[in-house]
């Protein structure tokens, strides 16, 4: 019994420097991450990052959030730094499952950042194309439809490119494509086959007449 207690006490004493090192790295890293986060948030606000992102078509999504674009990006940077801090802190204890897990997450982060950049750029291009088409074809009945279709297409391509960057595009895109095609075919069969042929014919005649007039 005495020997067991002595061994346990010796293990605790030998582990104390590692625990202290772990806590020091964690505390110092947390303080540094907080300082860097505040600096990044202020710099992004001053350079007009929020306005640029809102013009890119993300304004509606951010309206539902309590944070603006610069705050969100700053928080992403904060948690990224903390991942590195945690990895360094747990590294004090040598090889362990937690360090391996954090290393796997950190190695995946660059792909996530590139995917986010792709989505933001695609959103900005889609918003610009939509505004351009609406201003050019605003007097036509189908101008808004074309603008929305082009904007949706650009956003879809951006999302697909982002998913491809994350190495999950093929499975997701194929599943969505098959589901969409099945839904379209099903709706067409039910609408037309269920007594909608005459109605569809009338709609096409109205659309053709409006097209001829324009």
Protein backbone atom coordinates (compact mmCIF):
# COMPACT_ATOMS: atom_id res chain seq x y z
CA UNK A 1 0.00 0.00 0.00
CA UNK A 2 2.77 2.40 0.97
CA UNK A 3 4.71 1.52 -2.18
CA UNK A 4 1.65 2.19 -4.34
CA UNK A 5 1.15 5.59 -2.73
CA UNK A 6 4.81 6.43 -3.21
CA UNK A 7 4.64 5.45 -6.89
CA UNK A 8 1.51 7.55 -7.41
CA UNK A 9 3.09 10.54 -5.68
CA UNK A 10 6.24 10.15 -7.77
CA UNK A 11 4.15 10.03 -10.96
CA UNK A 12 2.28 13.19 -9.95
CA UNK A 13 5.52 15.02 -9.11
CA UNK A 14 7.14 13.97 -12.40
CA UNK A 15 4.05 15.13 -14.33
CA UNK A 16 3.85 18.53 -12.61
CA UNK A 17 6.33 20.30 -14.97
CA UNK A 18 4.34 19.08 -17.96
CA UNK A 19 1.05 20.25 -16.43
CA UNK A 20 2.55 23.65 -15.63
CA UNK A 21 3.94 23.90 -19.16
CA UNK A 22 0.53 22.91 -20.57
CA UNK A 23 -1.25 25.62 -18.54
CA UNK A 24 1.33 28.29 -19.39
CA UNK A 25 1.09 27.58 -23.14
CA UNK A 26 -2.71 27.58 -22.92
CA UNK A 27 -2.94 30.87 -21.00
CA UNK A 28 -0.31 32.74 -23.04
CA UNK A 29 -1.76 31.41 -26.30
CA UNK A 30 -5.26 32.47 -25.28
CA UNK A 31 -4.10 36.02 -24.47
CA UNK A 32 -2.19 36.30 -27.76
CA UNK A 33 -5.18 34.95 -29.72
CA UNK A 34 -7.48 37.53 -28.08
CA UNK A 35 -5.10 40.40 -28.89
CA UNK A 36 -4.69 39.30 -32.51
CA UNK A 37 -8.47 38.88 -32.86
CA UNK A 38 -9.14 42.44 -31.68
CA UNK A 39 -6.46 43.85 -33.99
CA UNK A 40 -7.83 41.97 -37.01
CA UNK A 41 -11.40 43.05 -36.29
CA UNK A 42 -10.41 46.72 -36.04
CA UNK A 43 -8.24 46.61 -39.17
CA UNK A 44 -10.96 44.89 -41.24
CA UNK A 45 -13.54 47.44 -40.07
CA UNK A 46 -11.29 50.38 -40.99
CA UNK A 47 -10.48 49.07 -44.48
CA UNK A 48 -14.19 48.61 -45.27
CA UNK A 49 -14.26 44.80 -45.28
CA UNK A 50 -17.86 44.72 -44.00
CA UNK A 51 -19.12 46.94 -46.83
CA UNK A 52 -17.29 44.87 -49.43
CA UNK A 53 -18.79 41.63 -48.16
CA UNK A 54 -22.29 43.10 -47.97
CA UNK A 55 -22.02 44.22 -51.58
CA UNK A 56 -21.10 40.66 -52.38
CA UNK A 57 -24.58 39.42 -51.56
CA UNK A 58 -24.01 38.14 -48.02
CA UNK A 59 -25.84 41.03 -46.37
CA UNK A 60 -29.13 39.12 -45.96
CA UNK A 61 -27.37 36.27 -44.19
CA UNK A 62 -25.48 38.64 -41.89
CA UNK A 63 -28.68 40.56 -41.04
CA UNK A 64 -29.84 37.49 -39.11
CA UNK A 65 -26.59 37.35 -37.13
CA UNK A 66 -25.43 39.45 -34.18
CA UNK A 67 -21.96 39.70 -35.75
CA UNK A 68 -20.74 41.55 -38.80
CA UNK A 69 -18.37 40.08 -41.38
CA UNK A 70 -15.19 41.38 -39.74
CA UNK A 71 -16.20 39.98 -36.33
CA UNK A 72 -16.97 36.58 -37.83
CA UNK A 73 -13.63 36.45 -39.64
CA UNK A 74 -11.83 37.57 -36.48
CA UNK A 75 -13.50 34.78 -34.50
CA UNK A 76 -12.48 32.26 -37.15
CA UNK A 77 -8.89 33.47 -36.77
CA UNK A 78 -9.19 33.23 -32.96
CA UNK A 79 -10.35 29.62 -33.00
CA UNK A 80 -7.72 28.75 -35.58
CA UNK A 81 -4.98 30.15 -33.35
CA UNK A 82 -6.44 28.30 -30.37
CA UNK A 83 -6.24 25.05 -32.30
CA UNK A 84 -2.52 25.61 -32.76
CA UNK A 85 -2.22 26.58 -29.09
CA UNK A 86 -4.02 23.43 -27.95
CA UNK A 87 -1.89 21.31 -30.27
CA UNK A 88 1.28 22.83 -28.80
CA UNK A 89 -0.05 22.48 -25.24
CA UNK A 90 -0.98 18.81 -25.57
CA UNK A 91 2.32 18.22 -27.35
CA UNK A 92 4.00 18.70 -23.97
CA UNK A 93 2.71 15.25 -22.98
CA UNK A 94 4.27 13.59 -26.04
CA UNK A 95 2.37 11.51 -28.57
CA UNK A 96 -1.31 11.26 -27.64
CA UNK A 97 -4.69 10.86 -29.42
CA UNK A 98 -5.73 14.47 -28.75
CA UNK A 99 -2.62 15.86 -30.46
CA UNK A 100 -3.19 13.60 -33.45
CA UNK A 101 -6.82 14.71 -33.70
CA UNK A 102 -5.86 18.40 -33.52
CA UNK A 103 -3.13 17.87 -36.12
CA UNK A 104 -5.70 16.34 -38.49
CA UNK A 105 -8.02 19.34 -38.03
CA UNK A 106 -5.19 21.83 -38.55
CA UNK A 107 -4.10 20.11 -41.75
CA UNK A 108 -7.68 20.43 -43.07
CA UNK A 109 -8.02 24.14 -42.22
CA UNK A 110 -6.33 25.51 -45.38
CA UNK A 111 -8.92 23.70 -47.50
CA UNK A 112 -11.72 25.25 -45.44
CA UNK A 113 -10.27 28.76 -45.80
CA UNK A 114 -9.91 28.40 -49.57
CA UNK A 115 -13.49 27.10 -49.80
CA UNK A 116 -14.77 30.11 -47.84
CA UNK A 117 -12.86 32.50 -50.12
CA UNK A 118 -14.32 30.78 -53.19
CA UNK A 119 -17.87 31.15 -51.86
CA UNK A 120 -17.35 34.84 -50.99
CA UNK A 121 -15.88 35.61 -54.43
CA UNK A 122 -18.65 33.67 -56.18
CA UNK A 123 -21.23 35.57 -54.13
CA UNK A 124 -19.69 38.90 -55.15
CA UNK A 125 -19.60 37.94 -58.83
CA UNK A 126 -23.19 36.66 -58.69
CA UNK A 127 -24.40 39.90 -57.10
CA UNK A 128 -22.56 41.98 -59.72
CA UNK A 129 -23.90 39.91 -62.62
CA UNK A 130 -27.45 40.10 -61.25
CA UNK A 131 -27.29 43.89 -60.89
CA UNK A 132 -25.80 44.26 -64.38
CA UNK A 133 -28.47 42.14 -66.04
CA UNK A 134 -31.31 43.77 -64.13
CA UNK A 135 -30.10 47.23 -65.11
CA UNK A 136 -29.67 46.17 -68.73
CA UNK A 137 -32.90 44.19 -69.15
CA UNK A 138 -35.03 45.83 -66.47
CA UNK A 139 -37.64 46.87 -69.01
CA UNK A 140 -38.31 43.31 -70.12
CA UNK A 141 -40.64 40.93 -68.33
CA UNK A 142 -38.06 38.17 -68.27
CA UNK A 143 -35.14 40.43 -67.26
CA UNK A 144 -35.49 39.62 -63.56
CA UNK A 145 -35.82 35.90 -64.30
CA UNK A 146 -32.61 35.89 -66.34
CA UNK A 147 -30.80 37.92 -63.68
CA UNK A 148 -31.86 35.53 -60.91
CA UNK A 149 -31.01 32.48 -63.02
CA UNK A 150 -27.51 33.75 -63.84
CA UNK A 151 -26.91 34.71 -60.21
CA UNK A 152 -28.07 31.28 -59.00
CA UNK A 153 -25.89 29.54 -61.60
CA UNK A 154 -22.77 31.46 -60.54
CA UNK A 155 -23.47 30.75 -56.87
CA UNK A 156 -24.03 27.07 -57.63
CA UNK A 157 -20.71 26.88 -59.50
CA UNK A 158 -19.01 28.62 -56.56
CA UNK A 159 -20.51 26.17 -54.06
CA UNK A 160 -19.50 23.20 -56.23
CA UNK A 161 -15.95 24.57 -56.50
CA UNK A 162 -15.85 25.04 -52.71
CA UNK A 163 -17.11 21.50 -52.11
CA UNK A 164 -14.55 20.22 -54.58
CA UNK A 165 -11.87 22.02 -52.59
CA UNK A 166 -13.09 20.13 -49.50
CA UNK A 167 -12.94 16.85 -51.45
CA UNK A 168 -16.66 16.19 -50.99
CA UNK A 169 -18.04 17.74 -54.19
CA UNK A 170 -18.62 14.57 -56.18
CA UNK A 171 -20.86 12.80 -53.68
CA UNK A 172 -22.82 15.92 -52.69
CA UNK A 173 -23.30 17.23 -56.24
CA UNK A 174 -24.36 13.84 -57.58
CA UNK A 175 -26.89 13.37 -54.77
CA UNK A 176 -28.35 16.86 -55.26
CA UNK A 177 -28.40 16.47 -59.05
CA UNK A 178 -30.26 13.16 -58.94
CA UNK A 179 -32.72 14.47 -56.37
CA UNK A 180 -33.38 17.62 -58.42
CA UNK A 181 -33.89 15.70 -61.67
CA UNK A 182 -36.23 13.26 -59.93
CA UNK A 183 -38.23 16.15 -58.44
CA UNK A 184 -38.50 17.96 -61.79
CA UNK A 185 -39.60 14.82 -63.63
CA UNK A 186 -42.08 13.94 -60.90
CA UNK A 187 -43.58 17.43 -60.86
CA UNK A 188 -43.83 17.49 -64.66
CA UNK A 189 -45.55 14.11 -64.78
CA UNK A 190 -48.05 15.02 -62.07
CA UNK A 191 -48.74 18.53 -63.41
CA UNK A 192 -49.08 17.64 -67.08
CA UNK A 193 -50.40 14.12 -66.79
CA UNK A 194 -52.86 15.08 -64.09
CA UNK A 195 -55.04 17.20 -66.36
CA UNK A 196 -52.65 20.14 -66.75
CA UNK A 197 -52.04 19.86 -70.50
CA UNK A 198 -54.62 22.50 -71.41
CA UNK A 199 -53.37 24.86 -68.70
CA UNK A 200 -49.76 24.41 -69.82
CA UNK A 201 -50.77 25.15 -73.40
CA UNK A 202 -52.49 28.37 -72.36
CA UNK A 203 -49.45 29.45 -70.32
CA UNK A 204 -47.12 28.83 -73.25
CA UNK A 205 -49.39 30.84 -75.56
CA UNK A 206 -49.39 33.78 -73.13
CA UNK A 207 -45.62 33.59 -72.74
CA UNK A 208 -45.11 33.43 -76.51
CA UNK A 209 -47.44 36.40 -77.07
CA UNK A 210 -45.58 38.48 -74.47
CA UNK A 211 -42.24 37.46 -76.03
CA UNK A 212 -43.44 38.51 -79.51
CA UNK A 213 -44.67 41.86 -78.15
CA UNK A 214 -41.33 42.61 -76.50
